[in-house]
PDB file of N, CA and C in Angstrom:
ATOM      1  N   UNK A   1       0.827  -1.176   0.000  1.00  0.00           N
ATOM      2  CA  UNK A   1       0.000   0.000   0.000  1.00  0.00           C
ATOM      3  C   UNK A   1       0.876   1.246   0.000  1.00  0.00           C
ATOM      4  N   UNK A   2       0.356   2.263  -0.596  1.00  0.00           N
ATOM      5  CA  UNK A   2       1.090   3.518  -0.646  1.00  0.00           C
ATOM      6  C   UNK A   2       0.274   4.593   0.046  1.00  0.00           C
ATOM      7  N   UNK A   3       0.987   5.430   0.791  1.00  0.00           N
ATOM      8  CA  UNK A   3       0.324   6.515   1.504  1.00  0.00           C
ATOM      9  C   UNK A   3       1.196   7.757   1.409  1.00  0.00           C
ATOM     10  N   UNK A   4       0.726   8.799   0.767  1.00  0.00           N
ATOM     11  CA  UNK A   4       1.467  10.049   0.550  1.00  0.00           C
ATOM     12  C   UNK A   4       2.800   9.805  -0.151  1.00  0.00           C
ATOM     13  N   UNK A   5       2.841   8.894  -1.076  1.00  0.00           N
ATOM     14  CA  UNK A   5       4.051   8.660  -1.838  1.00  0.00           C
ATOM     15  C   UNK A   5       5.052   7.737  -1.163  1.00  0.00           C
ATOM     16  N   UNK A   6       4.788   7.296   0.046  1.00  0.00           N
ATOM     17  CA  UNK A   6       5.688   6.394   0.767  1.00  0.00           C
ATOM     18  C   UNK A   6       4.965   5.078   1.027  1.00  0.00           C
ATOM     19  N   UNK A   7       5.713   3.997   1.037  1.00  0.00           N
ATOM     20  CA  UNK A   7       5.050   2.736   1.352  1.00  0.00           C
ATOM     21  C   UNK A   7       4.565   2.740   2.806  1.00  0.00           C
ATOM     22  N   UNK A   8       3.380   2.252   3.024  1.00  0.00           N
ATOM     23  CA  UNK A   8       2.808   2.214   4.362  1.00  0.00           C
ATOM     24  C   UNK A   8       3.078   0.837   4.975  1.00  0.00           C
ATOM     25  N   UNK A   9       4.060   0.768   5.852  1.00  0.00           N
ATOM     26  CA  UNK A   9       4.398  -0.511   6.480  1.00  0.00           C
ATOM     27  C   UNK A   9       3.513  -0.742   7.698  1.00  0.00           C
ATOM     28  N   UNK A  10       3.363   0.283   8.497  1.00  0.00           N
ATOM     29  CA  UNK A  10       2.497   0.162   9.663  1.00  0.00           C
ATOM     30  C   UNK A  10       3.005  -0.852  10.670  1.00  0.00           C
ATOM     31  N   UNK A  11       2.118  -1.290  11.498  1.00  0.00           N
ATOM     32  CA  UNK A  11       2.493  -2.232  12.550  1.00  0.00           C
ATOM     33  C   UNK A  11       1.828  -3.572  12.379  1.00  0.00           C
ATOM     34  N   UNK A  12       1.630  -3.996  11.146  1.00  0.00           N
ATOM     35  CA  UNK A  12       0.942  -5.261  10.892  1.00  0.00           C
ATOM     36  C   UNK A  12       1.655  -6.448  11.515  1.00  0.00           C
ATOM     37  N   UNK A  13       2.973  -6.363  11.624  1.00  0.00           N
ATOM     38  CA  UNK A  13       3.739  -7.498  12.146  1.00  0.00           C
ATOM     39  C   UNK A  13       3.589  -7.631  13.653  1.00  0.00           C
ATOM     40  N   UNK A  14       3.089  -6.592  14.321  1.00  0.00           N
ATOM     41  CA  UNK A  14       2.973  -6.623  15.779  1.00  0.00           C
ATOM     42  C   UNK A  14       1.927  -7.642  16.243  1.00  0.00           C
ATOM     43  N   UNK A  15       0.817  -7.755  15.518  1.00  0.00           N
ATOM     44  CA  UNK A  15      -0.252  -8.646  15.958  1.00  0.00           C
ATOM     45  C   UNK A  15       0.149 -10.115  15.914  1.00  0.00           C
ATOM     46  N   UNK A  16       0.748 -10.603  14.833  1.00  0.00           N
ATOM     47  CA  UNK A  16       1.192 -12.011  14.875  1.00  0.00           C
ATOM     48  C   UNK A  16       2.303 -12.238  15.899  1.00  0.00           C
ATOM     49  N   UNK A  17       3.161 -11.246  16.073  1.00  0.00           N
ATOM     50  CA  UNK A  17       4.249 -11.370  17.046  1.00  0.00           C
ATOM     51  C   UNK A  17       3.693 -11.437  18.466  1.00  0.00           C
ATOM     52  N   UNK A  18       2.738 -10.579  18.776  1.00  0.00           N
ATOM     53  CA  UNK A  18       2.121 -10.608  20.112  1.00  0.00           C
ATOM     54  C   UNK A  18       1.360 -11.914  20.323  1.00  0.00           C
ATOM     55  N   UNK A  19       0.700 -12.395  19.277  1.00  0.00           N
ATOM     56  CA  UNK A  19      -0.012 -13.663  19.385  1.00  0.00           C
ATOM     57  C   UNK A  19       0.928 -14.833  19.644  1.00  0.00           C
ATOM     58  N   UNK A  20       2.064 -14.839  18.965  1.00  0.00           N
ATOM     59  CA  UNK A  20       3.048 -15.897  19.166  1.00  0.00           C
ATOM     60  C   UNK A  20       3.623 -15.856  20.579  1.00  0.00           C
ATOM     61  N   UNK A  21       3.946 -14.673  21.050  1.00  0.00           N
ATOM     62  CA  UNK A  21       4.477 -14.534  22.412  1.00  0.00           C
ATOM     63  C   UNK A  21       3.422 -14.979  23.427  1.00  0.00           C
ATOM     64  N   UNK A  22       2.171 -14.591  23.213  1.00  0.00           N
ATOM     65  CA  UNK A  22       1.096 -14.986  24.116  1.00  0.00           C
ATOM     66  C   UNK A  22       0.948 -16.502  24.152  1.00  0.00           C
ATOM     67  N   UNK A  23       1.001 -17.145  23.007  1.00  0.00           N
ATOM     68  CA  UNK A  23       0.854 -18.601  22.964  1.00  0.00           C
ATOM     69  C   UNK A  23       2.016 -19.303  23.661  1.00  0.00           C
ATOM     70  N   UNK A  24       3.219 -18.794  23.498  1.00  0.00           N
ATOM     71  CA  UNK A  24       4.376 -19.386  24.169  1.00  0.00           C
ATOM     72  C   UNK A  24       4.235 -19.261  25.681  1.00  0.00           C
ATOM     73  N   UNK A  25       3.802 -18.095  26.153  1.00  0.00           N
ATOM     74  CA  UNK A  25       3.616 -17.897  27.592  1.00  0.00           C
ATOM     75  C   UNK A  25       2.528 -18.826  28.128  1.00  0.00           C
ATOM     76  N   UNK A  26       1.420 -18.944  27.403  1.00  0.00           N
ATOM     77  CA  UNK A  26       0.333 -19.817  27.846  1.00  0.00           C
ATOM     78  C   UNK A  26       0.802 -21.277  27.899  1.00  0.00           C
ATOM     79  N   UNK A  27       1.539 -21.724  26.898  1.00  0.00           N
ATOM     80  CA  UNK A  27       2.046 -23.101  26.918  1.00  0.00           C
ATOM     81  C   UNK A  27       2.989 -23.333  28.088  1.00  0.00           C
ATOM     82  N   UNK A  28       3.838 -22.371  28.379  1.00  0.00           N
ATOM     83  CA  UNK A  28       4.770 -22.502  29.499  1.00  0.00           C
ATOM     84  C   UNK A  28       4.008 -22.579  30.826  1.00  0.00           C
ATOM     85  N   UNK A  29       3.012 -21.711  30.994  1.00  0.00           N
ATOM     86  CA  UNK A  29       2.226 -21.719  32.233  1.00  0.00           C
ATOM     87  C   UNK A  29       1.465 -23.030  32.383  1.00  0.00           C
ATOM     88  N   UNK A  30       0.861 -23.514  31.304  1.00  0.00           N
ATOM     89  CA  UNK A  30       0.143 -24.791  31.378  1.00  0.00           C
ATOM     90  C   UNK A  30       1.084 -25.945  31.689  1.00  0.00           C
ATOM     91  N   UNK A  31       2.257 -25.926  31.109  1.00  0.00           N
ATOM     92  CA  UNK A  31       3.224 -26.992  31.375  1.00  0.00           C
ATOM     93  C   UNK A  31       3.650 -26.967  32.839  1.00  0.00           C
ATOM     94  N   UNK A  32       3.820 -25.778  33.405  1.00  0.00           N
ATOM     95  CA  UNK A  32       4.184 -25.685  34.814  1.00  0.00           C
ATOM     96  C   UNK A  32       3.028 -26.133  35.701  1.00  0.00           C
ATOM     97  N   UNK A  33       1.804 -25.770  35.330  1.00  0.00           N
ATOM     98  CA  UNK A  33       0.650 -26.095  36.154  1.00  0.00           C
ATOM     99  C   UNK A  33       0.373 -27.586  36.151  1.00  0.00           C
ATOM    100  N   UNK A  34       0.337 -28.206  34.984  1.00  0.00           N
ATOM    101  CA  UNK A  34       0.006 -29.625  34.907  1.00  0.00           C
ATOM    102  C   UNK A  34       1.215 -30.515  35.146  1.00  0.00           C
ATOM    103  N   UNK A  35       2.393 -30.032  34.823  1.00  0.00           N
ATOM    104  CA  UNK A  35       3.585 -30.857  34.971  1.00  0.00           C
ATOM    105  C   UNK A  35       4.149 -30.836  36.369  1.00  0.00           C
ATOM    106  N   UNK A  36       3.946 -29.763  37.100  1.00  0.00           N
ATOM    107  CA  UNK A  36       4.506 -29.652  38.444  1.00  0.00           C
ATOM    108  C   UNK A  36       6.019 -29.689  38.394  1.00  0.00           C
ATOM    109  N   UNK A  37       6.591 -30.270  39.450  1.00  0.00           N
ATOM    110  CA  UNK A  37       8.051 -30.344  39.505  1.00  0.00           C
ATOM    111  C   UNK A  37       8.604 -31.319  38.486  1.00  0.00           C
ATOM    112  N   UNK A  38       7.805 -32.290  38.110  1.00  0.00           N
ATOM    113  CA  UNK A  38       8.290 -33.335  37.224  1.00  0.00           C
ATOM    114  C   UNK A  38       8.352 -32.947  35.761  1.00  0.00           C
ATOM    115  N   UNK A  39       7.956 -31.733  35.423  1.00  0.00           N
ATOM    116  CA  UNK A  39       7.949 -31.351  34.008  1.00  0.00           C
ATOM    117  C   UNK A  39       9.355 -31.356  33.433  1.00  0.00           C
ATOM    118  N   UNK A  40      10.307 -30.775  34.147  1.00  0.00           N
ATOM    119  CA  UNK A  40      11.679 -30.737  33.653  1.00  0.00           C
ATOM    120  C   UNK A  40      12.443 -31.995  34.042  1.00  0.00           C
ATOM    121  N   UNK A  41      12.056 -32.604  35.162  1.00  0.00           N
ATOM    122  CA  UNK A  41      12.774 -33.783  35.652  1.00  0.00           C
ATOM    123  C   UNK A  41      12.111 -35.085  35.225  1.00  0.00           C
ATOM    124  N   UNK A  42      10.960 -35.003  34.588  1.00  0.00           N
ATOM    125  CA  UNK A  42      10.205 -36.163  34.125  1.00  0.00           C
ATOM    126  C   UNK A  42       9.826 -37.085  35.275  1.00  0.00           C
ATOM    127  N   UNK A  43       9.108 -36.559  36.258  1.00  0.00           N
ATOM    128  CA  UNK A  43       8.533 -37.377  37.311  1.00  0.00           C
ATOM    129  C   UNK A  43       9.461 -37.744  38.441  1.00  0.00           C
ATOM    130  N   UNK A  44      10.606 -37.173  38.528  1.00  0.00           N
ATOM    131  CA  UNK A  44      11.555 -37.523  39.583  1.00  0.00           C
ATOM    132  C   UNK A  44      11.024 -37.130  40.956  1.00  0.00           C
ATOM    133  N   UNK A  45      10.221 -36.091  41.026  1.00  0.00           N
ATOM    134  CA  UNK A  45       9.709 -35.600  42.303  1.00  0.00           C
ATOM    135  C   UNK A  45       8.875 -36.631  43.034  1.00  0.00           C
ATOM    136  N   UNK A  46       8.036 -37.380  42.327  1.00  0.00           N
ATOM    137  CA  UNK A  46       7.192 -38.360  42.985  1.00  0.00           C
ATOM    138  C   UNK A  46       8.020 -39.507  43.540  1.00  0.00           C
ATOM    139  N   UNK A  47       8.989 -39.974  42.818  1.00  0.00           N
ATOM    140  CA  UNK A  47       9.847 -41.050  43.307  1.00  0.00           C
ATOM    141  C   UNK A  47      10.619 -40.593  44.534  1.00  0.00           C
ATOM    142  N   UNK A  48      11.027 -39.343  44.544  1.00  0.00           N
ATOM    143  CA  UNK A  48      11.783 -38.819  45.672  1.00  0.00           C
ATOM    144  C   UNK A  48      10.915 -38.790  46.930  1.00  0.00           C
ATOM    145  N   UNK A  49       9.670 -38.412  46.787  1.00  0.00           N
ATOM    146  CA  UNK A  49       8.760 -38.368  47.936  1.00  0.00           C
ATOM    147  C   UNK A  49       8.538 -39.775  48.484  1.00  0.00           C
ATOM    148  N   UNK A  50       8.308 -40.722  47.607  1.00  0.00           N
ATOM    149  CA  UNK A  50       8.113 -42.101  48.054  1.00  0.00           C
ATOM    150  C   UNK A  50       9.358 -42.639  48.748  1.00  0.00           C
ATOM    151  N   UNK A  51      10.503 -42.290  48.210  1.00  0.00           N
ATOM    152  CA  UNK A  51      11.762 -42.741  48.820  1.00  0.00           C
ATOM    153  C   UNK A  51      11.941 -42.145  50.213  1.00  0.00           C
ATOM    154  N   UNK A  52      11.601 -40.867  50.372  1.00  0.00           N
ATOM    155  CA  UNK A  52      11.717 -40.232  51.684  1.00  0.00           C
ATOM    156  C   UNK A  52      10.734 -40.830  52.683  1.00  0.00           C
ATOM    157  N   UNK A  53       9.524 -41.153  52.246  1.00  0.00           N
ATOM    158  CA  UNK A  53       8.555 -41.786  53.140  1.00  0.00           C
ATOM    159  C   UNK A  53       9.050 -43.151  53.607  1.00  0.00           C
ATOM    160  N   UNK A  54       9.621 -43.902  52.686  1.00  0.00           N
ATOM    161  CA  UNK A  54      10.165 -45.221  53.034  1.00  0.00           C
ATOM    162  C   UNK A  54      11.300 -45.077  54.045  1.00  0.00           C
ATOM    163  N   UNK A  55      12.155 -44.114  53.829  1.00  0.00           N
ATOM    164  CA  UNK A  55      13.273 -43.890  54.753  1.00  0.00           C
ATOM    165  C   UNK A  55      12.766 -43.482  56.131  1.00  0.00           C
ATOM    166  N   UNK A  56      11.708 -42.655  56.181  1.00  0.00           N
ATOM    167  CA  UNK A  56      11.137 -42.252  57.470  1.00  0.00           C
ATOM    168  C   UNK A  56      10.578 -43.461  58.215  1.00  0.00           C
ATOM    169  N   UNK A  57       9.878 -44.346  57.490  1.00  0.00           N
ATOM    170  CA  UNK A  57       9.354 -45.554  58.121  1.00  0.00           C
ATOM    171  C   UNK A  57      10.482 -46.404  58.697  1.00  0.00           C
ATOM    172  N   UNK A  58      11.542 -46.561  57.924  1.00  0.00           N
ATOM    173  CA  UNK A  58      12.673 -47.362  58.387  1.00  0.00           C
ATOM    174  C   UNK A  58      13.322 -46.746  59.623  1.00  0.00           C
ATOM    175  N   UNK A  59      13.438 -45.429  59.645  1.00  0.00           N
ATOM    176  CA  UNK A  59      14.030 -44.767  60.808  1.00  0.00           C
ATOM    177  C   UNK A  59      13.141 -44.916  62.045  1.00  0.00           C
ATOM    178  N   UNK A  60      11.829 -44.807  61.866  1.00  0.00           N
ATOM    179  CA  UNK A  60      10.923 -44.988  62.995  1.00  0.00           C
ATOM    180  C   UNK A  60      11.020 -46.400  63.541  1.00  0.00           C
ATOM    181  N   UNK A  61      11.097 -47.380  62.646  1.00  0.00           N
ATOM    182  CA  UNK A  61      11.240 -48.770  63.090  1.00  0.00           C
ATOM    183  C   UNK A  61      12.551 -48.968  63.843  1.00  0.00           C
ATOM    184  N   UNK A  62      13.603 -48.342  63.370  1.00  0.00           N
ATOM    185  CA  UNK A  62      14.897 -48.471  64.043  1.00  0.00           C
ATOM    186  C   UNK A  62      14.870 -47.808  65.418  1.00  0.00           C
ATOM    187  N   UNK A  63      14.175 -46.676  65.531  1.00  0.00           N
ATOM    188  CA  UNK A  63      14.053 -46.000  66.827  1.00  0.00           C
ATOM    189  C   UNK A  63      13.284 -46.883  67.805  1.00  0.00           C
ATOM    190  N   UNK A  64      12.181 -47.475  67.348  1.00  0.00           N
ATOM    191  CA  UNK A  64      11.409 -48.372  68.201  1.00  0.00           C
ATOM    192  C   UNK A  64      12.252 -49.566  68.646  1.00  0.00           C
ATOM    193  N   UNK A  65      13.040 -50.101  67.742  1.00  0.00           N
ATOM    194  CA  UNK A  65      13.913 -51.242  68.064  1.00  0.00           C
ATOM    195  C   UNK A  65      14.937 -50.857  69.120  1.00  0.00           C
ATOM    196  N   UNK A  66      15.518 -49.680  68.982  1.00  0.00           N
ATOM    197  CA  UNK A  66      16.509 -49.221  69.967  1.00  0.00           C
ATOM    198  C   UNK A  66      15.866 -48.952  71.319  1.00  0.00           C
ATOM    199  N   UNK A  67      14.638 -48.439  71.321  1.00  0.00           N
ATOM    200  CA  UNK A  67      13.945 -48.222  72.592  1.00  0.00           C
ATOM    201  C   UNK A  67      13.680 -49.541  73.302  1.00  0.00           C
ATOM    202  N   UNK A  68      13.292 -50.584  72.543  1.00  0.00           N
ATOM    203  CA  UNK A  68      13.022 -51.884  73.143  1.00  0.00           C
ATOM    204  C   UNK A  68      14.304 -52.512  73.688  1.00  0.00           C
ATOM    205  N   UNK A  69      15.405 -52.327  72.997  1.00  0.00           N
ATOM    206  CA  UNK A  69      16.690 -52.888  73.465  1.00  0.00           C
ATOM    207  C   UNK A  69      17.160 -52.180  74.716  1.00  0.00           C
ATOM    208  N   UNK A  70      16.855 -50.904  74.824  1.00  0.00           N
ATOM    209  CA  UNK A  70      17.310 -50.114  75.971  1.00  0.00           C
ATOM    210  C   UNK A  70      16.566 -50.518  77.243  1.00  0.00           C
ATOM    211  N   UNK A  71      15.299 -50.872  77.143  1.00  0.00           N
ATOM    212  CA  UNK A  71      14.533 -51.215  78.352  1.00  0.00           C
ATOM    213  C   UNK A  71      14.572 -52.676  78.671  1.00  0.00           C
TER     214      UNK A  71
END
């Protein structure tokens, strides 16, 4: 298009650029929301929690065993 003898470039490129940035942000937020900690680690967080629970149970059992030996 021409306007006053000069090509009219305008800001047409801004709308697709803003749309692309918006979509990238939305995808990142959704990935964080649904993926949780495991999104980047691929589920390592859940295994870690289970491992810590198992270790706590073992420590409690060992404490009970030591209490029984002491008395």
